[in-house]
Amino acid sequence: MKEVIVGKLEDFKDNEMKTVALDDSDDKVLISRIDGEFFAVSAFCTHYGAPLEKGILSDGRIVCPWHHACFNAKTGDLMEPPALDALVSYELKTQGDNLVLMLPEEFKGRRKPEMSKAEPSIDKRTFIIIGAGAAGYAAAQALRENGYKGRIIMISRENKLPYDRPNLSKEYLSGEAKEEWMPLRSEDFYDEYGIETVLGRKVVRLDGSTNTVRLDDGTELEYDKVLVATGGSARKLDAPGSGLENIFTLRSFSDADRIIDSAEKISRAAVIGASFIGMETAHNLTERGISVTVIGRESVPFEKVFGAEIGGMFKTEHENNGVTFKLERKVSEFKGNGKVERVILDNGDEVEAELVIVGIGVEPVTDFIQGLELDPDGGIKVDEAYRAAKNIYAAGDIASYPDMETGKHVRIEHWRTAEQEGIHAAVNMLENGIPSILVPFFWTAQAGLNFRYVGHAESWDYLITWGNVSNKDFITFFVSEGKVLAAGGNKRDREMAAIEELLRLGKMPNPDKLKNTSLNLLKLINK
């Protein structure tokens, strides 16, 4: 153990964080001072490596500025996804006016959370997780983190271990992310913690009356509790010619690989649908030097989600990057000789395209469930414990849960939200019930924008904007019935992290106060 002076006591302000570089190395630690006490943890988020000093310290937790993973500032423990690993904590001591770090011989920036291993002789229960996406994987890890030692069986219709699905339409599609970066965990991890993975198998029947799950190969499994986390399947476009080659959806790893393979041989592409997947795909295809046309029914991308002004900003930035838009249009037909060559629109216009990606949303994969009434859209209504029926839980894109702000049931298709739901469901499966304080958050990277959105507003009465949308430096608050339900922003990472904490803590200022654009949100957190 080596002692390293990391600064004077007076260098560290109360309820603030500071990154300190260690002598003679590139290693760094993050020092927090909380109510007069000092704490040290590793300095970078274990998700994508964001500098945590650029985030916020709130209520004893560190919120990452990029994707809002949360860590305990005192222990480094993981508190919120999308990170999967915890930070490493380091011992500190005071020596006169100096703060001294006790540095171990081997410096590490991350550690696995404390997790139980399978001991079926002690716990004879079997928990089945149907789906190996965000919610399914997060639930499996959370079960082991919360002391469950029984059997876990995770079933996936894909042949891949759980992977970073949001990256499919981002860096993986553009070629920046390598295939080996995509898995969330190695195969050894699942072996070590006794998480059985059944890959390439589809569940054809879930019967709550018999507590059984049947697979497409005829295998029947019994469960004590089951979590349905099947997510969605990409909607297909039912139009003449849709069976031509080089018309794809983008939902799975294999979808992305087929698109990448086809993209190497073409110069023109069309994206059907101005959705998040569609717009991210359009951007990353242009990064490959392909001419892209986006075809959408709306007048402005994202207008129903963010409003016309923010949607217009996205459109302008994509146009500046070479994307062409055909909006307020529908696809009538695809034409080509074996492979797609042209997209025919409802007004007769033709768009030349050797590759087409259909991004018009997803449908919940729930048709295999017996004896459970589904919502009209195929979703599963759950209570605050993510329970759909006796011994049946649901999480992720398919789950309609009670929103903490409005009390209404909402179904949200975001990666991090699905992870949060999977964790909450797992804890409640163990009957270690925790309050479901879940603030939705998602991010999108496209056309040079790194947009963050916190909360959830299906509609709003009016908007309050700080900054300038056209300059791409702003926060917009979505107000309904006198309450701020959500906020979206660009180039305002710390404030967006603060907004999530204010919503979580019930400290969000009322709309009248937010009309004062000089209000400091960061200072409101620790009041």
Protein backbone atom coordinates (compact mmCIF):
# COMPACT_ATOMS: atom_id res chain seq x y z
CA MET A 1 0.00 0.00 0.00
CA LYS A 2 1.40 3.36 -1.04
CA GLU A 3 0.44 6.70 0.50
CA VAL A 4 -0.21 9.52 -2.00
CA ILE A 5 -1.01 13.12 -1.08
CA VAL A 6 -3.94 14.13 -3.30
CA GLY A 7 -4.31 17.71 -2.12
CA LYS A 8 -4.97 20.09 0.71
CA LEU A 9 -8.20 19.69 2.68
CA GLU A 10 -9.23 23.17 1.64
CA ASP A 11 -8.97 22.17 -2.03
CA PHE A 12 -12.16 20.11 -1.72
CA LYS A 13 -15.46 21.93 -1.26
CA ASP A 14 -18.39 20.37 0.56
CA ASN A 15 -20.86 18.47 -1.67
CA GLU A 16 -18.54 18.76 -4.66
CA MET A 17 -16.34 16.34 -6.64
CA LYS A 18 -12.83 16.75 -7.97
CA THR A 19 -10.69 14.49 -10.15
CA VAL A 20 -7.11 14.03 -9.00
CA ALA A 21 -4.33 12.56 -11.14
CA LEU A 22 -1.97 10.26 -9.24
CA ASP A 23 1.76 10.90 -9.39
CA ASP A 24 3.84 9.24 -12.12
CA SER A 25 0.86 7.53 -13.80
CA ASP A 26 -2.23 8.11 -15.91
CA ASP A 27 -4.44 6.84 -13.08
CA LYS A 28 -7.06 9.15 -11.62
CA VAL A 29 -9.44 9.09 -8.68
CA LEU A 30 -12.54 11.10 -7.91
CA ILE A 31 -12.61 12.77 -4.50
CA SER A 32 -15.98 13.74 -3.01
CA ARG A 33 -16.54 15.76 0.14
CA ILE A 34 -19.92 15.01 1.69
CA ASP A 35 -20.95 16.75 4.89
CA GLY A 36 -17.33 17.28 5.81
CA GLU A 37 -16.18 13.69 5.14
CA PHE A 38 -13.89 12.68 2.26
CA PHE A 39 -14.39 9.74 -0.09
CA ALA A 40 -12.43 8.44 -3.08
CA VAL A 41 -13.62 6.27 -5.96
CA SER A 42 -12.45 5.58 -9.52
CA ALA A 43 -12.92 8.59 -11.75
CA PHE A 44 -14.58 7.21 -14.87
CA CYS A 45 -17.99 5.67 -15.50
CA THR A 46 -17.85 1.92 -16.04
CA HIS A 47 -20.35 2.17 -18.91
CA TYR A 48 -18.62 4.22 -21.65
CA GLY A 49 -15.82 5.84 -19.64
CA ALA A 50 -17.33 9.29 -19.08
CA PRO A 51 -15.41 11.54 -16.65
CA LEU A 52 -17.64 11.47 -13.59
CA GLU A 53 -16.43 14.87 -12.41
CA LYS A 54 -18.47 16.32 -15.29
CA GLY A 55 -21.62 14.79 -13.78
CA ILE A 56 -23.26 15.72 -10.51
CA LEU A 57 -23.12 14.75 -6.85
CA SER A 58 -26.61 14.42 -5.42
CA ASP A 59 -27.91 12.88 -2.24
CA GLY A 60 -24.69 10.88 -1.83
CA ARG A 61 -24.76 9.54 -5.38
CA ILE A 62 -22.76 10.35 -8.48
CA VAL A 63 -24.73 10.73 -11.72
CA CYS A 64 -22.77 10.15 -14.93
CA PRO A 65 -23.06 13.11 -17.34
CA TRP A 66 -23.45 10.98 -20.48
CA HIS A 67 -25.95 8.20 -19.86
CA HIS A 68 -26.95 8.76 -16.20
CA ALA A 69 -25.51 5.64 -14.59
CA CYS A 70 -25.45 6.29 -10.83
CA PHE A 71 -22.92 5.23 -8.20
CA ASN A 72 -22.68 5.53 -4.44
CA ALA A 73 -20.13 8.28 -3.86
CA LYS A 74 -18.95 6.70 -0.59
CA THR A 75 -18.61 3.05 -1.59
CA GLY A 76 -18.56 3.12 -5.40
CA ASP A 77 -21.51 0.70 -5.49
CA LEU A 78 -23.63 0.69 -8.64
CA MET A 79 -27.04 2.28 -8.04
CA GLU A 80 -28.53 2.75 -11.53
CA PRO A 81 -27.79 1.40 -15.03
CA PRO A 82 -26.73 1.49 -17.83
CA ALA A 83 -23.38 0.72 -16.18
CA LEU A 84 -23.07 -2.90 -15.07
CA ASP A 85 -19.98 -2.67 -12.88
CA ALA A 86 -19.31 -0.66 -9.74
CA LEU A 87 -16.51 1.82 -9.08
CA VAL A 88 -13.54 0.97 -6.89
CA SER A 89 -13.35 2.81 -3.56
CA TYR A 90 -10.06 3.86 -1.98
CA GLU A 91 -9.15 4.58 1.60
CA LEU A 92 -8.37 8.17 2.56
CA LYS A 93 -6.88 9.74 5.67
CA THR A 94 -6.00 13.24 6.77
CA GLN A 95 -2.43 14.15 7.62
CA GLY A 96 -2.24 17.67 8.96
CA ASP A 97 -3.68 19.89 6.23
CA ASN A 98 -3.23 17.19 3.58
CA LEU A 99 -5.59 14.56 2.24
CA VAL A 100 -3.80 11.25 1.69
CA LEU A 101 -4.92 8.35 -0.52
CA MET A 102 -3.97 4.78 0.38
CA LEU A 103 -3.11 3.41 -3.06
CA PRO A 104 -3.01 -0.38 -3.56
CA GLU A 105 -0.26 -1.95 -5.65
CA GLU A 106 -2.68 -2.73 -8.48
CA PHE A 107 -4.88 0.17 -9.54
CA LYS A 108 -8.31 -0.81 -10.87
CA GLY A 109 -11.06 1.42 -12.20
CA ARG A 110 -13.98 -0.99 -11.92
CA ARG A 111 -15.24 -3.97 -9.98
CA LYS A 112 -18.11 -6.39 -10.27
CA PRO A 113 -20.98 -5.81 -7.87
CA GLU A 114 -21.21 -8.23 -4.96
CA MET A 115 -23.14 -11.19 -6.37
CA SER A 116 -24.26 -14.58 -5.09
CA LYS A 117 -23.52 -17.77 -6.97
CA ALA A 118 -26.00 -20.52 -7.71
CA GLU A 119 -26.50 -22.99 -4.85
CA PRO A 120 -29.59 -25.02 -5.79
CA SER A 121 -29.09 -27.30 -2.78
CA ILE A 122 -29.83 -24.27 -0.58
CA ASP A 123 -32.46 -22.57 -2.75
CA LYS A 124 -34.51 -24.99 -4.82
CA ARG A 125 -36.52 -22.34 -6.68
CA THR A 126 -36.35 -21.81 -10.44
CA PHE A 127 -36.80 -18.33 -11.91
CA ILE A 128 -37.18 -18.14 -15.67
CA ILE A 129 -36.42 -14.96 -17.61
CA ILE A 130 -37.93 -14.88 -21.11
CA GLY A 131 -35.79 -12.47 -23.10
CA ALA A 132 -32.12 -11.53 -22.95
CA GLY A 133 -32.27 -7.84 -23.75
CA ALA A 134 -31.90 -4.88 -21.42
CA ALA A 135 -34.59 -5.90 -18.93
CA GLY A 136 -33.79 -9.61 -19.00
CA TYR A 137 -30.08 -9.23 -18.43
CA ALA A 138 -30.51 -6.54 -15.76
CA ALA A 139 -32.95 -8.78 -13.89
CA ALA A 140 -30.55 -11.73 -13.93
CA GLN A 141 -27.72 -9.64 -12.48
CA ALA A 142 -30.04 -8.02 -9.93
CA LEU A 143 -31.27 -11.42 -8.70
CA ARG A 144 -27.70 -12.47 -7.94
CA GLU A 145 -26.86 -9.07 -6.45
CA ASN A 146 -29.79 -9.43 -4.07
CA GLY A 147 -28.74 -12.80 -2.75
CA TYR A 148 -30.81 -15.20 -4.87
CA LYS A 149 -29.06 -18.59 -5.06
CA GLY A 150 -31.69 -20.60 -6.92
CA ARG A 151 -31.74 -21.51 -10.56
CA ILE A 152 -31.92 -18.77 -13.24
CA ILE A 153 -32.80 -19.74 -16.80
CA MET A 154 -32.61 -16.92 -19.36
CA ILE A 155 -34.17 -17.73 -22.74
CA SER A 156 -33.40 -15.78 -25.91
CA ARG A 157 -34.73 -16.18 -29.42
CA GLU A 158 -31.38 -14.86 -30.66
CA ASN A 159 -28.18 -16.90 -30.83
CA LYS A 160 -26.21 -14.17 -29.07
CA LEU A 161 -25.53 -13.58 -25.41
CA PRO A 162 -27.01 -10.24 -24.18
CA TYR A 163 -25.41 -7.35 -26.05
CA ASP A 164 -25.46 -3.55 -26.30
CA ARG A 165 -28.50 -3.18 -28.56
CA PRO A 166 -28.51 0.68 -28.73
CA ASN A 167 -25.13 0.50 -30.44
CA LEU A 168 -26.56 -1.37 -33.42
CA SER A 169 -27.87 1.83 -35.00
CA LYS A 170 -24.97 3.91 -33.68
CA GLU A 171 -21.24 3.09 -33.66
CA TYR A 172 -21.65 -0.54 -34.74
CA LEU A 173 -23.51 0.43 -37.90
CA SER A 174 -21.01 3.17 -38.72
CA GLY A 175 -18.11 0.76 -38.23
CA GLU A 176 -16.65 2.48 -35.16
CA ALA A 177 -17.62 -0.26 -32.68
CA LYS A 178 -16.12 -3.71 -33.13
CA GLU A 179 -18.17 -6.88 -32.72
CA GLU A 180 -16.18 -7.93 -29.65
CA TRP A 181 -17.21 -4.71 -27.87
CA MET A 182 -20.91 -5.53 -28.09
CA PRO A 183 -21.57 -8.32 -25.52
CA LEU A 184 -22.59 -7.04 -22.10
CA ARG A 185 -20.75 -9.91 -20.40
CA SER A 186 -18.49 -12.79 -21.40
CA GLU A 187 -19.66 -16.40 -21.41
CA ASP A 188 -17.48 -16.98 -18.34
CA PHE A 189 -19.59 -14.51 -16.37
CA TYR A 190 -22.77 -16.53 -16.88
CA ASP A 191 -20.94 -19.73 -15.95
CA GLU A 192 -19.46 -18.17 -12.81
CA TYR A 193 -22.79 -16.95 -11.48
CA GLY A 194 -24.90 -19.87 -12.59
CA ILE A 195 -27.06 -17.98 -15.08
CA GLU A 196 -28.19 -20.60 -17.58
CA THR A 197 -28.61 -19.22 -21.09
CA VAL A 198 -30.88 -20.94 -23.61
CA LEU A 199 -30.06 -19.30 -26.95
CA GLY A 200 -31.79 -19.54 -30.31
CA ARG A 201 -35.02 -20.81 -28.77
CA LYS A 202 -38.47 -19.25 -28.91
CA VAL A 203 -41.06 -19.51 -26.16
CA VAL A 204 -44.33 -20.67 -27.73
CA ARG A 205 -46.43 -20.92 -24.58
CA LEU A 206 -46.40 -19.44 -21.09
CA ASP A 207 -49.14 -20.96 -18.95
CA GLY A 208 -49.68 -19.31 -15.60
CA SER A 209 -52.17 -21.97 -14.50
CA THR A 210 -49.47 -24.67 -14.58
CA ASN A 211 -46.38 -22.49 -14.05
CA THR A 212 -44.81 -23.85 -17.22
CA VAL A 213 -42.97 -22.48 -20.23
CA ARG A 214 -42.85 -24.41 -23.51
CA LEU A 215 -40.13 -23.85 -26.11
CA ASP A 216 -40.34 -24.24 -29.88
CA ASP A 217 -38.38 -27.52 -29.70
CA GLY A 218 -40.99 -29.03 -27.38
CA THR A 219 -39.01 -28.58 -24.17
CA GLU A 220 -41.23 -27.75 -21.20
CA LEU A 221 -39.81 -25.95 -18.16
CA GLU A 222 -41.41 -25.41 -14.77
CA TYR A 223 -40.90 -22.20 -12.85
CA ASP A 224 -41.57 -20.75 -9.44
CA LYS A 225 -41.60 -17.26 -10.90
CA VAL A 226 -41.19 -15.96 -14.42
CA LEU A 227 -40.21 -12.59 -15.85
CA VAL A 228 -41.44 -11.76 -19.34
CA ALA A 229 -38.89 -9.42 -20.94
CA THR A 230 -39.27 -10.26 -24.61
CA GLY A 231 -39.18 -6.70 -25.91
CA GLY A 232 -40.50 -5.97 -29.37
CA SER A 233 -40.23 -7.23 -32.90
CA ALA A 234 -39.70 -4.73 -35.69
CA ARG A 235 -42.81 -3.82 -37.64
CA LYS A 236 -42.72 -4.79 -41.28
CA LEU A 237 -44.07 -2.59 -44.05
CA ASP A 238 -46.88 -4.32 -45.93
CA ALA A 239 -46.49 -2.87 -49.40
CA PRO A 240 -46.14 -4.43 -52.85
CA GLY A 241 -42.53 -5.45 -53.45
CA SER A 242 -41.65 -5.67 -49.76
CA GLY A 243 -40.23 -9.13 -50.39
CA LEU A 244 -37.42 -7.82 -52.60
CA GLU A 245 -33.86 -8.31 -51.42
CA ASN A 246 -32.03 -5.55 -49.50
CA ILE A 247 -35.13 -4.42 -47.59
CA PHE A 248 -34.33 -4.72 -43.89
CA THR A 249 -35.49 -3.90 -40.40
CA LEU A 250 -32.93 -3.14 -37.69
CA ARG A 251 -33.63 -4.84 -34.39
CA SER A 252 -31.08 -7.61 -33.92
CA PHE A 253 -27.37 -8.21 -34.29
CA SER A 254 -27.99 -10.30 -37.41
CA ASP A 255 -30.08 -7.46 -38.90
CA ALA A 256 -27.19 -5.05 -38.42
CA ASP A 257 -24.67 -7.47 -39.93
CA ARG A 258 -26.84 -7.97 -43.02
CA ILE A 259 -27.23 -4.20 -43.44
CA ILE A 260 -23.48 -3.62 -43.05
CA ASP A 261 -22.72 -6.33 -45.61
CA SER A 262 -25.17 -4.83 -48.12
CA ALA A 263 -24.03 -1.26 -47.43
CA GLU A 264 -20.53 -2.06 -48.67
CA LYS A 265 -21.85 -2.56 -52.19
CA ILE A 266 -24.27 0.35 -52.67
CA SER A 267 -24.30 4.14 -52.94
CA ARG A 268 -27.97 5.04 -52.30
CA ALA A 269 -30.27 4.06 -49.45
CA ALA A 270 -33.74 4.91 -48.18
CA VAL A 271 -34.88 4.88 -44.57
CA ILE A 272 -38.62 4.44 -44.02
CA GLY A 273 -39.69 6.16 -40.80
CA ALA A 274 -38.22 9.20 -39.05
CA SER A 275 -37.96 7.29 -35.75
CA PHE A 276 -34.93 7.19 -33.45
CA ILE A 277 -33.71 3.99 -35.07
CA GLY A 278 -34.45 5.40 -38.51
CA MET A 279 -32.69 8.72 -37.97
CA GLU A 280 -29.66 7.19 -36.24
CA THR A 281 -29.41 4.69 -39.08
CA ALA A 282 -29.63 7.47 -41.66
CA HIS A 283 -26.80 9.34 -40.00
CA ASN A 284 -24.52 6.33 -39.72
CA LEU A 285 -25.13 5.28 -43.31
CA THR A 286 -24.08 8.77 -44.43
CA GLU A 287 -20.92 8.25 -42.36
CA ARG A 288 -20.22 5.34 -44.71
CA GLY A 289 -20.48 7.68 -47.71
CA ILE A 290 -23.96 6.57 -48.75
CA SER A 291 -26.59 8.99 -50.07
CA VAL A 292 -29.64 8.61 -47.80
CA THR A 293 -33.28 9.65 -48.18
CA VAL A 294 -35.58 9.53 -45.14
CA ILE A 295 -39.26 8.94 -45.90
CA GLY A 296 -41.75 9.71 -43.13
CA ARG A 297 -45.44 10.41 -42.54
CA GLU A 298 -44.88 13.32 -40.17
CA SER A 299 -44.23 16.91 -41.23
CA VAL A 300 -41.19 17.18 -38.92
CA PRO A 301 -39.18 14.34 -37.35
CA PHE A 302 -39.98 13.75 -33.66
CA GLU A 303 -42.71 16.42 -33.63
CA LYS A 304 -45.04 14.29 -31.47
CA VAL A 305 -42.23 13.49 -29.03
CA PHE A 306 -40.31 16.77 -28.77
CA GLY A 307 -42.32 19.40 -30.60
CA ALA A 308 -41.82 21.06 -33.97
CA GLU A 309 -38.88 23.29 -33.02
CA ILE A 310 -36.64 20.52 -31.69
CA GLY A 311 -37.76 18.21 -34.51
CA GLY A 312 -36.83 20.93 -36.98
CA MET A 313 -33.36 21.16 -35.43
CA PHE A 314 -32.82 17.43 -36.01
CA LYS A 315 -34.00 17.75 -39.60
CA THR A 316 -31.71 20.71 -40.32
CA GLU A 317 -28.65 18.97 -38.87
CA HIS A 318 -29.31 15.85 -40.90
CA GLU A 319 -29.75 17.92 -44.05
CA ASN A 320 -26.44 19.63 -43.30
CA ASN A 321 -24.93 16.14 -43.24
CA GLY A 322 -26.35 15.26 -46.63
CA VAL A 323 -29.62 13.50 -45.78
CA THR A 324 -32.63 14.18 -48.01
CA PHE A 325 -36.16 14.13 -46.56
CA LYS A 326 -39.45 13.13 -48.12
CA LEU A 327 -41.95 13.94 -45.36
CA GLU A 328 -45.74 13.72 -45.13
CA ARG A 329 -45.46 10.81 -47.52
CA LYS A 330 -46.28 7.10 -47.47
CA VAL A 331 -44.68 4.23 -49.34
CA SER A 332 -46.94 2.77 -52.03
CA GLU A 333 -44.60 0.21 -53.56
CA PHE A 334 -41.05 -1.11 -53.85
CA LYS A 335 -39.72 -1.89 -57.29
CA GLY A 336 -36.70 -3.75 -58.53
CA ASN A 337 -35.45 -6.82 -60.36
CA GLY A 338 -34.93 -9.27 -57.50
CA LYS A 339 -33.34 -6.54 -55.39
CA VAL A 340 -34.92 -3.25 -54.45
CA GLU A 341 -34.07 -0.38 -56.81
CA ARG A 342 -36.77 2.24 -56.23
CA VAL A 343 -39.28 3.28 -53.57
CA ILE A 344 -42.57 4.60 -54.98
CA LEU A 345 -44.35 7.17 -52.79
CA ASP A 346 -48.06 7.86 -52.51
CA ASN A 347 -47.74 11.02 -54.62
CA GLY A 348 -45.98 9.17 -57.43
CA ASP A 349 -42.47 10.34 -56.56
CA GLU A 350 -39.72 7.75 -56.92
CA VAL A 351 -36.70 7.45 -54.63
CA GLU A 352 -33.77 5.49 -56.01
CA ALA A 353 -32.42 3.11 -53.37
CA GLU A 354 -30.31 -0.05 -53.48
CA LEU A 355 -30.87 -0.58 -49.75
CA VAL A 356 -33.96 0.14 -47.63
CA ILE A 357 -34.21 0.12 -43.85
CA VAL A 358 -37.72 0.09 -42.39
CA GLY A 359 -37.82 1.83 -39.01
CA ILE A 360 -41.49 2.24 -38.18
CA GLY A 361 -41.49 0.99 -34.61
CA VAL A 362 -41.87 -2.33 -32.83
CA GLU A 363 -44.68 -4.58 -31.64
CA PRO A 364 -44.60 -6.23 -28.20
CA VAL A 365 -43.73 -9.93 -28.35
CA THR A 366 -46.45 -11.30 -26.07
CA ASP A 367 -48.58 -13.60 -28.25
CA PHE A 368 -47.36 -16.74 -26.44
CA ILE A 369 -48.92 -15.85 -23.07
CA GLN A 370 -51.96 -17.85 -22.02
CA GLY A 371 -54.65 -16.64 -19.61
CA LEU A 372 -53.43 -13.05 -19.31
CA GLU A 373 -55.40 -10.15 -20.74
CA LEU A 374 -53.14 -7.94 -22.83
CA ASP A 375 -53.45 -4.24 -23.58
CA PRO A 376 -54.83 -3.35 -27.04
CA ASP A 377 -51.28 -2.72 -28.31
CA GLY A 378 -50.07 -6.10 -27.03
CA GLY A 379 -48.39 -4.72 -23.92
CA ILE A 380 -48.68 -6.24 -20.44
CA LYS A 381 -50.15 -4.13 -17.65
CA VAL A 382 -48.20 -4.47 -14.39
CA ASP A 383 -48.50 -3.02 -10.90
CA GLU A 384 -45.84 -1.07 -8.99
CA ALA A 385 -44.01 -4.35 -8.31
CA TYR A 386 -43.98 -5.16 -12.07
CA ARG A 387 -46.32 -8.06 -11.31
CA ALA A 388 -48.76 -8.98 -14.07
CA ALA A 389 -50.34 -12.01 -12.35
CA LYS A 390 -49.48 -14.54 -9.67
CA ASN A 391 -45.81 -15.52 -10.15
CA ILE A 392 -45.68 -13.64 -13.49
CA TYR A 393 -43.76 -10.37 -13.86
CA ALA A 394 -43.02 -8.21 -16.90
CA ALA A 395 -40.44 -5.53 -17.65
CA GLY A 396 -38.99 -3.59 -20.54
CA ASP A 397 -40.62 -2.53 -23.80
CA ILE A 398 -43.67 -4.74 -23.23
CA ALA A 399 -44.53 -3.54 -19.71
CA SER A 400 -47.16 -0.89 -19.06
CA TYR A 401 -46.41 0.43 -15.57
CA PRO A 402 -47.85 3.22 -13.37
CA ASP A 403 -45.95 6.46 -13.98
CA MET A 404 -44.85 8.10 -10.72
CA GLU A 405 -45.70 11.61 -11.95
CA THR A 406 -49.15 11.08 -13.46
CA GLY A 407 -50.30 7.74 -12.02
CA LYS A 408 -51.27 6.66 -15.52
CA HIS A 409 -49.94 3.46 -17.03
CA VAL A 410 -47.21 4.06 -19.61
CA ARG A 411 -45.20 1.77 -21.84
CA ILE A 412 -41.76 3.18 -22.66
CA GLU A 413 -39.36 1.71 -25.19
CA HIS A 414 -35.99 2.95 -23.85
CA TRP A 415 -32.91 0.83 -23.13
CA ARG A 416 -32.04 2.29 -19.73
CA THR A 417 -35.67 2.33 -18.60
CA ALA A 418 -35.92 -1.35 -19.52
CA GLU A 419 -32.83 -2.04 -17.39
CA GLN A 420 -34.34 -0.16 -14.46
CA GLU A 421 -37.59 -2.08 -14.81
CA GLY A 422 -35.74 -5.39 -14.95
CA ILE A 423 -33.94 -4.55 -11.70
CA HIS A 424 -37.15 -3.49 -9.95
CA ALA A 425 -38.96 -6.61 -11.16
CA ALA A 426 -36.13 -8.87 -9.94
CA VAL A 427 -36.15 -7.34 -6.46
CA ASN A 428 -39.90 -7.74 -6.25
CA MET A 429 -39.69 -11.35 -7.46
CA LEU A 430 -37.60 -11.91 -4.34
CA GLU A 431 -40.25 -10.09 -2.30
CA ASN A 432 -37.68 -7.54 -1.20
CA GLY A 433 -40.06 -4.87 -2.48
CA ILE A 434 -38.61 -1.46 -3.13
CA PRO A 435 -40.46 1.73 -4.07
CA SER A 436 -40.56 2.06 -7.83
CA ILE A 437 -38.91 5.48 -8.17
CA LEU A 438 -38.09 5.31 -11.84
CA VAL A 439 -37.26 8.40 -13.88
CA PRO A 440 -37.11 7.49 -17.59
CA PHE A 441 -34.06 8.67 -19.51
CA PHE A 442 -32.73 8.11 -22.99
CA TRP A 443 -30.08 9.52 -25.25
CA THR A 444 -29.61 9.67 -28.99
CA ALA A 445 -26.48 10.51 -30.98
CA GLN A 446 -27.06 11.59 -34.57
CA ALA A 447 -25.84 14.25 -37.00
CA GLY A 448 -23.42 15.70 -34.46
CA LEU A 449 -26.10 16.02 -31.77
CA ASN A 450 -25.96 14.29 -28.38
CA PHE A 451 -29.50 14.83 -27.20
CA ARG A 452 -30.70 13.77 -23.73
CA TYR A 453 -34.31 13.39 -22.61
CA VAL A 454 -35.40 12.93 -18.99
CA GLY A 455 -38.90 12.05 -17.78
CA HIS A 456 -41.89 11.20 -19.96
CA ALA A 457 -44.49 13.45 -21.55
CA GLU A 458 -46.97 11.91 -23.97
CA SER A 459 -48.50 15.36 -24.44
CA TRP A 460 -47.98 18.82 -23.00
CA ASP A 461 -49.76 22.12 -22.53
CA TYR A 462 -46.75 24.29 -23.31
CA LEU A 463 -42.95 24.34 -23.45
CA ILE A 464 -40.36 26.42 -21.60
CA THR A 465 -37.00 26.71 -23.34
CA TRP A 466 -33.70 27.85 -21.88
CA GLY A 467 -31.06 28.75 -24.43
CA ASN A 468 -31.45 28.56 -28.18
CA VAL A 469 -32.66 25.47 -30.05
CA SER A 470 -31.32 26.68 -33.40
CA ASN A 471 -27.87 27.05 -31.83
CA LYS A 472 -28.15 23.48 -30.47
CA ASP A 473 -27.52 24.71 -26.91
CA PHE A 474 -30.71 24.48 -24.88
CA ILE A 475 -33.04 22.77 -22.43
CA THR A 476 -36.75 22.50 -23.16
CA PHE A 477 -39.18 21.67 -20.34
CA PHE A 478 -42.46 19.89 -21.15
CA VAL A 479 -45.29 21.15 -18.93
CA SER A 480 -48.68 19.52 -18.40
CA GLU A 481 -51.34 20.49 -15.85
CA GLY A 482 -48.94 22.77 -14.02
CA LYS A 483 -46.14 20.18 -13.65
CA VAL A 484 -42.88 19.58 -15.47
CA LEU A 485 -43.13 16.03 -16.79
CA ALA A 486 -39.97 15.92 -18.89
CA ALA A 487 -37.05 17.87 -20.31
CA GLY A 488 -34.88 17.52 -23.37
CA GLY A 489 -31.55 19.18 -24.02
CA ASN A 490 -28.36 19.40 -26.03
CA LYS A 491 -24.96 20.58 -24.73
CA ARG A 492 -26.44 20.73 -21.21
CA ASP A 493 -25.29 17.41 -19.78
CA ARG A 494 -24.87 18.46 -16.15
CA GLU A 495 -28.19 20.23 -16.04
CA MET A 496 -29.92 17.24 -17.62
CA ALA A 497 -28.43 15.00 -14.92
CA ALA A 498 -29.64 17.48 -12.32
CA ILE A 499 -33.17 17.42 -13.78
CA GLU A 500 -33.31 13.65 -13.38
CA GLU A 501 -32.33 13.99 -9.72
CA LEU A 502 -34.83 16.80 -9.13
CA LEU A 503 -37.61 14.64 -10.57
CA ARG A 504 -36.50 11.64 -8.52
CA LEU A 505 -36.32 13.64 -5.30
CA GLY A 506 -39.58 15.50 -5.92
CA LYS A 507 -37.74 18.83 -6.01
CA MET A 508 -38.48 19.92 -9.56
CA PRO A 509 -39.35 23.66 -9.55
CA ASN A 510 -42.80 24.62 -10.73
CA PRO A 511 -43.13 26.04 -14.26
CA ASP A 512 -43.43 29.65 -13.07
CA LYS A 513 -40.01 29.44 -11.39
CA LEU A 514 -38.51 27.86 -14.50
CA LYS A 515 -39.44 30.90 -16.51
CA ASN A 516 -36.52 32.52 -14.72
CA THR A 517 -33.75 31.24 -17.02
CA SER A 518 -31.03 32.20 -14.51
CA LEU A 519 -32.25 29.57 -12.04
CA ASN A 520 -29.37 27.27 -11.03
CA LEU A 521 -30.67 23.71 -11.08
CA LEU A 522 -27.45 22.25 -9.69
CA LYS A 523 -27.77 24.25 -6.48
CA LEU A 524 -31.34 23.05 -5.94
CA ILE A 525 -30.36 19.39 -5.57
CA ASN A 526 -28.66 19.51 -2.18
CA LYS A 527 -30.98 22.08 -0.61
